[in-house]
Amino acid sequence: MHGGLATTILVLGLVGAVVVHNLGFKQKGGIEAVATIRVFFDAAQTQELKQGDTISWGKIGSGVWTLPLYVNNTGNVAVILRFSYRGDQLPVGWAEYWDYDGISLAHNELRKVTITLVLPTYVSAGVYECDSWIRATPA
């Protein structure tokens, strides 16, 4: 009888050892830097410029025209902004630039930028369009 009890205790001990076995391991995940911005016509961020929209300068003539925009960094990394446009789509002598100084824009930071359109004195009547972009790249 003592032998049977010892065997039972030994078997229960082995079963108990299997139940409390722990498997330790590490977990690892990388978060990709995502440069995302939203652009608005107002500081309250209620009038958004969406992908594919057209900015209308309205009725303009020769001279200097300005358009304020508000850029919000909605990504998870600080970004540097870049403005570009297809100058080959505009008449000779037209120019566009902005006043952004290249300082990085932090996550959730809102920055006012002003696009300036310069038209020469010899502007011809018509409707003109050009493709343009505001790009954000990780700082």
Protein backbone atom coordinates (compact mmCIF):
# COMPACT_ATOMS: atom_id res chain seq x y z
CA MET A 1 0.00 0.00 0.00
CA HIS A 2 2.85 2.36 0.74
CA GLY A 3 4.25 1.62 -2.71
CA GLY A 4 0.96 2.57 -4.36
CA LEU A 5 0.78 5.79 -2.35
CA ALA A 6 4.36 6.68 -3.29
CA THR A 7 3.64 6.01 -6.95
CA THR A 8 0.51 8.18 -6.79
CA ILE A 9 2.46 11.03 -5.13
CA LEU A 10 5.24 10.68 -7.69
CA VAL A 11 2.76 10.75 -10.60
CA LEU A 12 0.94 13.77 -9.15
CA GLY A 13 4.28 15.52 -8.69
CA LEU A 14 5.22 14.95 -12.35
CA VAL A 15 1.82 16.14 -13.53
CA GLY A 16 2.15 19.23 -11.33
CA ALA A 17 5.57 20.00 -12.82
CA VAL A 18 4.13 19.97 -16.34
CA VAL A 19 1.27 22.30 -15.34
CA VAL A 20 3.57 25.02 -13.94
CA HIS A 21 6.00 25.03 -16.86
CA ASN A 22 6.52 28.54 -18.23
CA LEU A 23 7.71 29.41 -21.71
CA GLY A 24 9.43 32.81 -21.72
CA PHE A 25 9.82 34.83 -24.91
CA LYS A 26 10.20 38.43 -26.07
CA GLN A 27 7.99 40.36 -28.44
CA LYS A 28 9.19 43.01 -30.84
CA GLY A 29 7.39 45.35 -33.20
CA GLY A 30 8.55 48.31 -35.21
CA ILE A 31 6.43 51.39 -35.74
CA GLU A 32 6.89 52.82 -39.21
CA ALA A 33 7.37 56.57 -39.51
CA VAL A 34 4.29 57.97 -41.22
CA ALA A 35 4.43 61.47 -42.69
CA THR A 36 0.84 62.67 -43.05
CA ILE A 37 -0.51 66.20 -43.27
CA ARG A 38 -3.86 67.89 -43.59
CA VAL A 39 -4.17 71.33 -45.20
CA PHE A 40 -6.84 73.90 -44.40
CA PHE A 41 -7.92 77.33 -45.63
CA ASP A 42 -8.62 78.49 -42.04
CA ALA A 43 -6.86 78.32 -38.67
CA ALA A 44 -9.94 76.70 -37.09
CA GLN A 45 -9.34 73.74 -39.47
CA THR A 46 -12.93 73.63 -40.71
CA GLN A 47 -12.30 74.19 -44.45
CA GLU A 48 -9.99 71.43 -45.63
CA LEU A 49 -8.12 71.28 -48.93
CA LYS A 50 -8.53 67.65 -50.00
CA GLN A 51 -6.55 65.49 -52.39
CA GLY A 52 -7.53 66.41 -55.96
CA ASP A 53 -9.29 69.68 -55.05
CA THR A 54 -8.70 72.84 -57.07
CA ILE A 55 -7.63 76.09 -55.44
CA SER A 56 -9.38 78.96 -57.19
CA TRP A 57 -7.57 82.28 -57.14
CA GLY A 58 -10.70 83.93 -58.50
CA LYS A 59 -10.45 86.86 -60.90
CA ILE A 60 -6.83 87.99 -60.90
CA GLY A 61 -4.54 90.06 -63.08
CA SER A 62 -0.93 91.09 -63.14
CA GLY A 63 0.71 91.58 -59.78
CA VAL A 64 1.28 89.63 -56.57
CA TRP A 65 -1.43 87.42 -55.10
CA THR A 66 -1.27 85.56 -51.78
CA LEU A 67 -3.15 82.64 -50.28
CA PRO A 68 -2.73 81.62 -46.62
CA LEU A 69 -2.98 77.90 -45.83
CA TYR A 70 -2.71 76.02 -42.54
CA VAL A 71 -0.80 72.74 -42.51
CA ASN A 72 -1.35 70.25 -39.66
CA ASN A 73 1.08 67.37 -39.18
CA THR A 74 -1.23 64.43 -38.44
CA GLY A 75 1.47 61.77 -38.84
CA ASN A 76 3.50 60.15 -36.08
CA VAL A 77 6.84 61.80 -36.91
CA ALA A 78 8.14 65.34 -37.36
CA VAL A 79 8.10 66.37 -41.02
CA ILE A 80 9.70 68.78 -43.45
CA LEU A 81 7.33 70.31 -45.99
CA ARG A 82 7.97 71.00 -49.64
CA PHE A 83 5.84 72.94 -52.13
CA SER A 84 6.11 72.34 -55.84
CA TYR A 85 4.09 73.03 -58.97
CA ARG A 86 4.22 72.28 -62.67
CA GLY A 87 5.63 75.54 -63.96
CA ASP A 88 5.59 74.20 -67.51
CA GLN A 89 1.78 74.34 -67.33
CA LEU A 90 1.78 78.12 -66.76
CA PRO A 91 2.63 80.94 -69.15
CA VAL A 92 6.21 82.22 -69.27
CA GLY A 93 6.89 84.75 -66.53
CA TRP A 94 4.47 83.35 -63.96
CA ALA A 95 5.99 82.23 -60.65
CA GLU A 96 4.78 80.66 -57.45
CA TYR A 97 6.48 80.22 -54.09
CA TRP A 98 5.71 80.04 -50.39
CA ASP A 99 7.10 81.47 -47.18
CA TYR A 100 7.76 78.19 -45.34
CA ASP A 101 11.27 78.26 -43.89
CA GLY A 102 11.99 74.50 -43.80
CA ILE A 103 11.83 74.10 -40.01
CA SER A 104 10.40 70.71 -39.08
CA LEU A 105 6.75 70.47 -38.15
CA ALA A 106 6.12 68.38 -35.01
CA HIS A 107 3.28 65.87 -34.61
CA ASN A 108 -0.06 67.73 -34.31
CA GLU A 109 1.63 71.09 -34.94
CA LEU A 110 -0.32 73.57 -37.07
CA ARG A 111 1.71 75.95 -39.22
CA LYS A 112 0.47 78.85 -41.32
CA VAL A 113 2.11 79.10 -44.74
CA THR A 114 1.42 81.58 -47.50
CA ILE A 115 1.55 80.71 -51.18
CA THR A 116 2.39 83.66 -53.41
CA LEU A 117 1.49 83.83 -57.08
CA VAL A 118 3.32 86.43 -59.18
CA LEU A 119 1.95 87.39 -62.59
CA PRO A 120 3.84 89.68 -64.99
CA THR A 121 2.35 92.89 -66.40
CA TYR A 122 1.74 91.28 -69.81
CA VAL A 123 -0.82 88.68 -68.60
CA SER A 124 -3.13 87.46 -71.35
CA ALA A 125 -6.81 86.81 -70.70
CA GLY A 126 -7.80 83.18 -70.15
CA VAL A 127 -8.16 80.45 -67.57
CA TYR A 128 -4.95 78.77 -66.47
CA GLU A 129 -4.36 75.67 -64.37
CA CYS A 130 -1.33 73.86 -63.04
CA ASP A 131 -0.77 70.83 -60.85
CA SER A 132 0.76 71.55 -57.45
CA TRP A 133 1.72 69.65 -54.30
CA ILE A 134 2.59 70.07 -50.68
CA ARG A 135 4.75 67.10 -49.66
CA ALA A 136 5.71 65.98 -46.17
CA THR A 137 8.78 63.83 -45.56
CA PRO A 138 10.08 62.60 -42.18
CA ALA A 139 12.43 65.16 -40.65
